[in-house]
Amino acid sequence: MNPDKHFHLAVPVWGEAYTKLFTDVCLPMIMTSGNIAALGDRPANRFVIATTWNDHLAIRSSPSYRRLTQLIEVEFIHIDAQVDLANTHAAMSECYAMAMRSSSVIPGKTCFVFLTPDSFWTDGTFRRLGELADSGFKVVMAAGLRANREPMSEILAERIERFPDNPAIPVAELISLALANLHQMSRAHNVLNSFGFLNQHPSHLYWINEPDQQLIAHCFHLHPLLVLAPESEVAIGTTIDGEFLNNLPYPLDDYHVSQNEFFAIELSPTASEWGVPLGPPSLARIVDFSLNHANNSHWHFFGKRIVLNGSPEKSVDPQLVQLIDKTVGLIQQNWARELQSRKTLMGVVQEARRKVLRYALRFAYRIYVVLQRLKGEAKRWVRSNL
């Protein structure tokens, strides 16, 4: 363990429903033996909760909070009248930014861990974060699955009641539970879903083998779970998985992408939906999305295969692997071809602009010469007729 490295776990939460979900389900599920308790004896560790005054009182009165204070120092940031809660994503980003501006942050030593109130991480995640941070990684990216909140909350609450000190669920069992209760918004990323695919925003591509309880993913957008505090403040922008990553000063060699080590489960209301038409998966629309919404970092993430296997005794079907390889390869090839085409078109446009500018300058010069001649002739006419 590197004693200089320490962790600030930050979570924004407000509203009665989300506060209760956080204290009753998600917080207990990250207080397992392989998570908060496994971050080691680092005195500067702290758990930062950005919330309203009334929600802070509710959190402090919960049993899970009392247990949390036994594991780690807790700090509250009160956001009443300081953060506009009308825009949820922007508000969460501002809460993270407030946590990052704390006077206790030490650049190069403080590792931020960005949490959300409606999700939890598999047991062993934080222990692995400690190992990765100590080994020199500055950013850790990971995927998350949406599960139906109502049935999953009941299952998890029963688990927490039975094992209050350590409600950890084995990873393979948790994968099976998540896939059995997979949210329709996550199912919309399944490339094998012939008529229900989210072509408008295919940031995640899943291949779900339901009989074997396996999910294979290639994702453009992942969650930055851990970020080492940079030397100077970095603007987050609207979301931490977009502009914030672009603004970080770290090369991609300093990033670690979890491919099968850990993942998050986000508990979303079962009735939530994307609110846009779904249809057959379209390679052309996936490529178009990547051209407009993916940068070099996103392509780096997309190249990493994420495998969540609820049946560890079974390997992924070779024919499915072949299908995935072919699909990913076609996306990469078509993206490169379309990008080159756009560059060529842009070059043609720029050359056309240069030609137009040259012709315009020549024409303007000729007009100037003609006007100068007329001006001279006018002066001579005036002199000869006075």
Protein backbone atom coordinates (compact mmCIF):
# COMPACT_ATOMS: atom_id res chain seq x y z
CA MET A 1 0.00 0.00 0.00
CA ASN A 2 1.25 3.46 -0.92
CA PRO A 3 0.64 5.57 2.22
CA ASP A 4 0.74 8.78 0.18
CA LYS A 5 -2.30 7.81 -1.88
CA HIS A 6 -5.72 8.24 -0.32
CA PHE A 7 -9.34 8.24 -1.49
CA HIS A 8 -12.15 10.76 -1.48
CA LEU A 9 -15.37 8.92 -2.32
CA ALA A 10 -17.89 11.49 -3.55
CA VAL A 11 -21.63 11.01 -3.98
CA PRO A 12 -24.30 13.61 -4.77
CA VAL A 13 -27.78 12.81 -3.49
CA TRP A 14 -30.99 14.75 -2.91
CA GLY A 15 -34.70 14.05 -2.79
CA GLU A 16 -36.51 11.67 -0.44
CA ALA A 17 -36.67 8.71 -2.87
CA TYR A 18 -33.00 8.79 -3.87
CA THR A 19 -31.83 9.44 -0.31
CA LYS A 20 -33.76 6.42 0.95
CA LEU A 21 -32.46 4.24 -1.91
CA PHE A 22 -28.93 5.37 -1.05
CA THR A 23 -29.13 4.75 2.71
CA ASP A 24 -31.21 1.56 2.59
CA VAL A 25 -29.67 -0.26 -0.39
CA CYS A 26 -26.73 1.25 -2.26
CA LEU A 27 -24.65 2.42 0.70
CA PRO A 28 -24.86 -0.94 2.54
CA MET A 29 -23.87 -2.72 -0.70
CA ILE A 30 -20.57 -0.79 -0.89
CA MET A 31 -19.78 -1.28 2.80
CA THR A 32 -18.80 -4.88 2.09
CA SER A 33 -15.50 -6.44 3.09
CA GLY A 34 -14.02 -5.90 -0.38
CA ASN A 35 -15.09 -2.29 -0.79
CA ILE A 36 -14.89 0.64 1.65
CA ALA A 37 -13.41 -1.53 4.39
CA ALA A 38 -10.71 -2.71 1.97
CA LEU A 39 -9.29 0.74 1.19
CA GLY A 40 -6.80 0.24 3.97
CA ASP A 41 -5.63 2.32 6.89
CA ARG A 42 -5.16 5.60 5.03
CA PRO A 43 -5.94 8.40 7.51
CA ALA A 44 -6.82 10.92 4.78
CA ASN A 45 -9.60 8.73 3.32
CA ARG A 46 -13.04 10.32 3.45
CA PHE A 47 -16.57 9.84 2.19
CA VAL A 48 -17.98 13.10 0.83
CA ILE A 49 -21.77 13.48 0.52
CA ALA A 50 -23.09 16.50 -1.40
CA THR A 51 -26.72 16.96 -0.38
CA THR A 52 -29.37 19.31 0.95
CA TRP A 53 -29.74 20.15 4.62
CA ASN A 54 -32.93 18.12 5.10
CA ASP A 55 -31.56 15.09 3.22
CA HIS A 56 -28.36 15.31 5.25
CA LEU A 57 -30.46 14.99 8.41
CA ALA A 58 -32.20 11.90 6.98
CA ILE A 59 -28.85 10.34 6.07
CA ARG A 60 -27.40 10.96 9.53
CA SER A 61 -30.39 9.28 11.17
CA SER A 62 -30.01 6.06 9.14
CA PRO A 63 -28.35 2.88 10.49
CA SER A 64 -26.11 2.66 7.42
CA TYR A 65 -24.64 6.11 8.16
CA ARG A 66 -23.67 5.09 11.66
CA ARG A 67 -21.85 2.06 10.28
CA LEU A 68 -20.22 4.21 7.58
CA THR A 69 -18.69 6.50 10.22
CA GLN A 70 -17.01 3.45 11.77
CA LEU A 71 -15.27 2.70 8.46
CA ILE A 72 -14.28 6.12 7.12
CA GLU A 73 -14.43 9.82 7.93
CA VAL A 74 -17.60 11.39 6.53
CA GLU A 75 -17.91 14.95 5.24
CA PHE A 76 -21.08 16.72 4.12
CA ILE A 77 -21.30 19.47 1.51
CA HIS A 78 -24.57 21.36 1.76
CA ILE A 79 -25.84 22.41 -1.66
CA ASP A 80 -29.02 24.33 -0.76
CA ALA A 81 -29.35 27.40 -3.04
CA GLN A 82 -25.81 26.75 -4.35
CA VAL A 83 -26.58 24.12 -6.98
CA ASP A 84 -29.41 24.32 -9.52
CA LEU A 85 -31.15 20.97 -9.09
CA ALA A 86 -33.42 21.46 -12.12
CA ASN A 87 -30.84 19.87 -14.44
CA THR A 88 -29.88 16.59 -12.79
CA HIS A 89 -26.71 15.82 -14.77
CA ALA A 90 -25.34 19.36 -14.50
CA ALA A 91 -26.19 19.42 -10.79
CA MET A 92 -24.34 16.15 -10.17
CA SER A 93 -21.32 17.48 -12.04
CA GLU A 94 -21.33 20.63 -9.91
CA CYS A 95 -21.51 18.51 -6.75
CA TYR A 96 -18.47 16.52 -7.90
CA ALA A 97 -16.68 19.78 -8.68
CA MET A 98 -17.39 21.08 -5.17
CA ALA A 99 -15.92 17.89 -3.70
CA MET A 100 -12.84 18.26 -5.90
CA ARG A 101 -12.30 21.84 -4.69
CA SER A 102 -12.03 20.76 -1.05
CA SER A 103 -9.06 22.21 0.84
CA SER A 104 -8.13 18.67 1.93
CA VAL A 105 -7.42 17.58 -1.67
CA ILE A 106 -3.73 17.00 -2.43
CA PRO A 107 -2.84 16.97 -6.16
CA GLY A 108 -1.10 13.76 -7.17
CA LYS A 109 -2.13 12.01 -3.95
CA THR A 110 -5.91 12.30 -3.61
CA CYS A 111 -7.85 9.78 -5.69
CA PHE A 112 -11.45 10.79 -6.37
CA VAL A 113 -13.97 7.96 -6.53
CA PHE A 114 -17.16 9.14 -8.25
CA LEU A 115 -20.27 7.37 -6.95
CA THR A 116 -23.99 7.82 -7.62
CA PRO A 117 -26.79 7.37 -5.08
CA ASP A 118 -28.74 4.84 -7.14
CA SER A 119 -25.93 2.42 -7.94
CA PHE A 120 -23.46 0.14 -6.19
CA TRP A 121 -20.28 -1.72 -7.18
CA THR A 122 -19.47 -5.39 -7.02
CA ASP A 123 -17.64 -6.61 -3.94
CA GLY A 124 -13.88 -6.22 -4.28
CA THR A 125 -14.12 -3.13 -6.51
CA PHE A 126 -12.55 -0.70 -4.04
CA ARG A 127 -9.83 -3.14 -3.01
CA ARG A 128 -8.88 -3.35 -6.70
CA LEU A 129 -9.01 0.46 -7.02
CA GLY A 130 -6.45 0.69 -4.23
CA GLU A 131 -4.16 -1.74 -6.06
CA LEU A 132 -4.53 0.12 -9.36
CA ALA A 133 -3.90 3.53 -7.77
CA ASP A 134 -0.85 2.22 -5.92
CA SER A 135 0.53 0.75 -9.15
CA GLY A 136 0.42 4.14 -10.89
CA PHE A 137 -2.86 4.30 -12.81
CA LYS A 138 -4.40 7.77 -12.72
CA VAL A 139 -7.85 6.99 -14.18
CA VAL A 140 -9.97 3.85 -13.88
CA MET A 141 -12.92 3.37 -16.24
CA ALA A 142 -15.70 0.85 -15.74
CA ALA A 143 -19.10 -0.16 -17.08
CA GLY A 144 -22.45 -0.36 -15.37
CA LEU A 145 -25.73 -2.16 -16.05
CA ARG A 146 -29.21 -0.83 -15.39
CA ALA A 147 -31.45 -3.17 -13.43
CA ASN A 148 -35.12 -2.85 -12.54
CA ARG A 149 -35.16 -0.95 -9.28
CA GLU A 150 -38.24 -2.42 -7.62
CA PRO A 151 -37.45 -6.18 -7.76
CA MET A 152 -33.70 -5.71 -7.32
CA SER A 153 -34.20 -3.45 -4.28
CA GLU A 154 -36.31 -6.12 -2.61
CA ILE A 155 -33.70 -8.81 -3.29
CA LEU A 156 -30.88 -6.59 -2.00
CA ALA A 157 -32.84 -5.42 1.06
CA GLU A 158 -33.44 -9.04 2.06
CA ARG A 159 -29.72 -9.74 1.62
CA ILE A 160 -28.77 -6.72 3.74
CA GLU A 161 -31.18 -7.79 6.48
CA ARG A 162 -29.73 -11.33 6.54
CA PHE A 163 -26.08 -10.22 6.43
CA PRO A 164 -25.96 -6.66 7.82
CA ASP A 165 -22.21 -6.67 8.39
CA ASN A 166 -21.28 -7.93 4.93
CA PRO A 167 -24.13 -8.27 2.38
CA ALA A 168 -21.70 -8.99 -0.47
CA ILE A 169 -23.05 -11.11 -3.31
CA PRO A 170 -20.60 -13.27 -5.32
CA VAL A 171 -19.91 -11.61 -8.66
CA ALA A 172 -21.21 -14.47 -10.82
CA GLU A 173 -24.44 -14.61 -8.80
CA LEU A 174 -24.83 -10.84 -9.06
CA ILE A 175 -24.38 -10.97 -12.85
CA SER A 176 -27.14 -13.58 -13.06
CA LEU A 177 -29.40 -11.45 -10.86
CA ALA A 178 -28.72 -8.34 -12.94
CA LEU A 179 -29.40 -10.12 -16.23
CA ALA A 180 -32.61 -11.65 -14.86
CA ASN A 181 -33.74 -8.14 -13.88
CA LEU A 182 -32.09 -6.23 -16.70
CA HIS A 183 -33.74 -2.89 -17.37
CA GLN A 184 -35.36 -2.21 -20.72
CA MET A 185 -32.99 0.74 -21.22
CA SER A 186 -30.03 -1.65 -21.01
CA ARG A 187 -31.78 -4.22 -23.20
CA ALA A 188 -32.00 -1.51 -25.87
CA HIS A 189 -28.20 -1.77 -26.23
CA ASN A 190 -28.39 -5.47 -27.13
CA VAL A 191 -27.18 -5.93 -30.72
CA LEU A 192 -28.93 -9.32 -30.75
CA ASN A 193 -32.26 -7.57 -30.15
CA SER A 194 -33.60 -7.58 -33.72
CA PHE A 195 -36.22 -4.84 -33.31
CA GLY A 196 -35.54 -3.05 -30.05
CA PHE A 197 -32.10 -1.48 -30.49
CA LEU A 198 -31.25 2.12 -29.53
CA ASN A 199 -29.82 3.46 -32.81
CA GLN A 200 -30.09 7.09 -31.71
CA HIS A 201 -27.51 6.76 -28.94
CA PRO A 202 -25.58 3.47 -29.25
CA SER A 203 -22.91 4.41 -26.71
CA HIS A 204 -22.92 0.80 -25.47
CA LEU A 205 -23.10 -2.32 -27.60
CA TYR A 206 -24.13 -5.51 -25.80
CA TRP A 207 -24.32 -9.10 -26.93
CA ILE A 208 -26.46 -10.89 -24.35
CA ASN A 209 -26.37 -14.69 -24.21
CA GLU A 210 -29.30 -15.21 -21.86
CA PRO A 211 -29.20 -19.04 -21.58
CA ASP A 212 -25.60 -18.91 -20.34
CA GLN A 213 -26.09 -15.68 -18.34
CA GLN A 214 -23.36 -13.84 -20.22
CA LEU A 215 -23.07 -10.26 -21.44
CA ILE A 216 -20.26 -9.11 -23.72
CA ALA A 217 -19.89 -5.39 -24.28
CA HIS A 218 -17.95 -2.82 -26.30
CA CYS A 219 -18.64 0.68 -25.01
CA PHE A 220 -17.75 4.17 -26.24
CA HIS A 221 -18.75 5.80 -22.97
CA LEU A 222 -17.68 4.37 -19.63
CA HIS A 223 -17.84 5.71 -16.09
CA PRO A 224 -14.66 7.30 -14.68
CA LEU A 225 -14.79 5.57 -11.32
CA LEU A 226 -11.38 6.79 -10.13
CA VAL A 227 -9.45 9.92 -11.10
CA LEU A 228 -6.20 11.10 -9.50
CA ALA A 229 -6.41 14.77 -8.53
CA PRO A 230 -4.46 16.76 -11.18
CA GLU A 231 -2.11 19.61 -10.35
CA SER A 232 -4.72 22.24 -11.25
CA GLU A 233 -8.51 22.26 -11.29
CA VAL A 234 -10.09 20.63 -14.33
CA ALA A 235 -13.48 21.77 -15.59
CA ILE A 236 -16.05 18.96 -15.51
CA GLY A 237 -18.57 20.43 -17.93
CA THR A 238 -21.99 18.80 -18.15
CA THR A 239 -20.95 15.19 -17.43
CA ILE A 240 -17.89 13.50 -15.97
CA ASP A 241 -17.72 10.92 -18.79
CA GLY A 242 -17.51 13.59 -21.52
CA GLU A 243 -15.81 16.97 -21.33
CA PHE A 244 -14.14 16.14 -18.02
CA LEU A 245 -12.16 13.26 -19.52
CA ASN A 246 -11.11 15.45 -22.45
CA ASN A 247 -9.80 18.07 -20.03
CA LEU A 248 -7.73 15.68 -17.91
CA PRO A 249 -3.95 15.98 -18.49
CA TYR A 250 -3.30 12.22 -18.43
CA PRO A 251 -2.31 10.08 -21.46
CA LEU A 252 -4.32 6.96 -22.25
CA ASP A 253 -1.44 4.80 -20.97
CA ASP A 254 -2.40 6.05 -17.48
CA TYR A 255 -5.98 4.74 -17.89
CA HIS A 256 -7.14 1.32 -16.77
CA VAL A 257 -10.35 -0.11 -18.24
CA SER A 258 -12.01 -2.85 -16.22
CA GLN A 259 -12.90 -5.64 -18.62
CA ASN A 260 -14.00 -8.38 -16.21
CA GLU A 261 -12.86 -7.28 -12.74
CA PHE A 262 -15.77 -5.18 -11.49
CA PHE A 263 -18.86 -3.29 -12.62
CA ALA A 264 -21.73 -1.23 -11.27
CA ILE A 265 -25.44 -1.94 -11.07
CA GLU A 266 -27.66 1.11 -11.43
CA LEU A 267 -31.15 0.72 -9.99
CA SER A 268 -33.54 2.49 -12.38
CA PRO A 269 -37.34 2.67 -12.09
CA THR A 270 -38.76 -0.19 -14.12
CA ALA A 271 -41.05 2.12 -16.10
CA SER A 272 -38.22 4.41 -17.27
CA GLU A 273 -37.54 4.34 -20.99
CA TRP A 274 -35.43 6.12 -23.59
CA GLY A 275 -38.40 7.91 -25.08
CA VAL A 276 -37.21 7.48 -28.67
CA PRO A 277 -38.11 4.93 -31.36
CA LEU A 278 -36.18 1.64 -31.26
CA GLY A 279 -35.52 -0.57 -34.25
CA PRO A 280 -33.20 -3.12 -35.87
CA PRO A 281 -29.50 -2.48 -35.14
CA SER A 282 -28.00 -0.26 -37.86
CA LEU A 283 -24.26 -0.40 -38.52
CA ALA A 284 -24.47 2.89 -40.43
CA ARG A 285 -26.11 4.68 -37.49
CA ILE A 286 -23.61 3.26 -35.01
CA VAL A 287 -20.78 4.56 -37.21
CA ASP A 288 -22.52 7.93 -37.56
CA PHE A 289 -22.85 8.13 -33.76
CA SER A 290 -19.16 7.37 -33.34
CA LEU A 291 -18.19 10.08 -35.82
CA ASN A 292 -20.22 12.70 -33.97
CA HIS A 293 -19.90 11.65 -30.33
CA ALA A 294 -16.65 9.68 -29.92
CA ASN A 295 -13.10 11.01 -29.58
CA ASN A 296 -9.78 9.17 -29.30
CA SER A 297 -10.46 8.25 -25.65
CA HIS A 298 -13.86 6.83 -26.49
CA TRP A 299 -12.37 4.71 -29.31
CA HIS A 300 -9.74 3.46 -26.87
CA PHE A 301 -12.53 2.34 -24.53
CA PHE A 302 -14.52 0.81 -27.39
CA GLY A 303 -11.58 -1.41 -28.27
CA LYS A 304 -11.70 -3.07 -24.82
CA ARG A 305 -13.95 -6.12 -24.61
CA ILE A 306 -15.96 -6.32 -21.38
CA VAL A 307 -17.14 -9.79 -20.39
CA LEU A 308 -19.65 -10.33 -17.57
CA ASN A 309 -20.06 -14.06 -17.09
CA GLY A 310 -22.72 -15.38 -14.75
CA SER A 311 -21.63 -18.93 -15.64
CA PRO A 312 -17.86 -18.92 -15.00
CA GLU A 313 -17.67 -22.62 -15.78
CA LYS A 314 -18.71 -21.83 -19.35
CA SER A 315 -16.64 -19.90 -21.85
CA VAL A 316 -18.31 -17.61 -24.36
CA ASP A 317 -19.55 -19.51 -27.43
CA PRO A 318 -16.81 -19.27 -30.14
CA GLN A 319 -19.44 -18.51 -32.79
CA LEU A 320 -20.71 -15.58 -30.74
CA VAL A 321 -17.13 -14.37 -30.32
CA GLN A 322 -16.70 -14.58 -34.09
CA LEU A 323 -19.88 -12.56 -34.64
CA ILE A 324 -18.76 -9.90 -32.16
CA ASP A 325 -15.29 -9.68 -33.73
CA LYS A 326 -16.83 -9.23 -37.17
CA THR A 327 -19.28 -6.55 -36.02
CA VAL A 328 -16.67 -4.57 -34.08
CA GLY A 329 -14.25 -4.85 -36.99
CA LEU A 330 -16.84 -3.56 -39.47
CA ILE A 331 -17.64 -0.60 -37.20
CA GLN A 332 -13.95 0.29 -36.94
CA GLN A 333 -13.36 -0.12 -40.70
CA ASN A 334 -16.44 1.87 -41.72
CA TRP A 335 -15.57 4.58 -39.22
CA ALA A 336 -12.03 4.87 -40.64
CA ARG A 337 -13.38 4.94 -44.21
CA GLU A 338 -16.05 7.54 -43.42
CA LEU A 339 -13.59 9.63 -41.45
CA GLN A 340 -11.16 9.61 -44.40
CA SER A 341 -14.03 10.51 -46.72
CA ARG A 342 -14.95 13.44 -44.50
CA LYS A 343 -11.33 14.56 -44.36
CA THR A 344 -11.12 14.33 -48.15
CA LEU A 345 -14.34 16.29 -48.52
CA MET A 346 -13.09 18.85 -46.02
CA GLY A 347 -9.87 19.12 -48.02
CA VAL A 348 -11.85 19.71 -51.20
CA VAL A 349 -13.96 22.35 -49.46
CA GLN A 350 -10.88 24.06 -48.04
CA GLU A 351 -9.16 24.04 -51.46
CA ALA A 352 -12.33 25.48 -53.03
CA ARG A 353 -12.34 28.19 -50.36
CA ARG A 354 -8.71 29.01 -51.10
CA LYS A 355 -9.43 29.27 -54.85
CA VAL A 356 -12.46 31.46 -54.25
CA LEU A 357 -10.38 33.66 -51.97
CA ARG A 358 -7.60 33.95 -54.58
CA TYR A 359 -10.10 34.86 -57.30
CA ALA A 360 -11.79 37.34 -54.98
CA LEU A 361 -8.47 38.98 -54.15
CA ARG A 362 -7.50 39.21 -57.83
CA PHE A 363 -10.88 40.68 -58.73
CA ALA A 364 -10.65 43.17 -55.84
CA TYR A 365 -7.17 44.20 -56.98
CA ARG A 366 -8.38 44.75 -60.55
CA ILE A 367 -11.26 46.87 -59.29
CA TYR A 368 -8.76 48.81 -57.18
CA VAL A 369 -6.55 49.44 -60.23
CA VAL A 370 -9.53 50.59 -62.30
CA LEU A 371 -10.68 52.92 -59.53
CA GLN A 372 -7.18 54.37 -59.20
CA ARG A 373 -7.12 55.06 -62.96
CA LEU A 374 -10.52 56.71 -62.84
CA LYS A 375 -9.39 58.76 -59.87
CA GLY A 376 -6.31 59.96 -61.80
CA GLU A 377 -8.33 60.78 -64.89
CA ALA A 378 -10.84 62.68 -62.78
CA LYS A 379 -8.06 64.77 -61.22
CA ARG A 380 -6.61 65.58 -64.67
CA TRP A 381 -10.04 66.53 -66.00
CA VAL A 382 -10.62 68.84 -63.06
CA ARG A 383 -7.21 70.55 -63.53
CA SER A 384 -7.72 71.04 -67.30
CA ASN A 385 -11.20 72.53 -66.90
CA LEU A 386 -10.55 75.00 -64.11
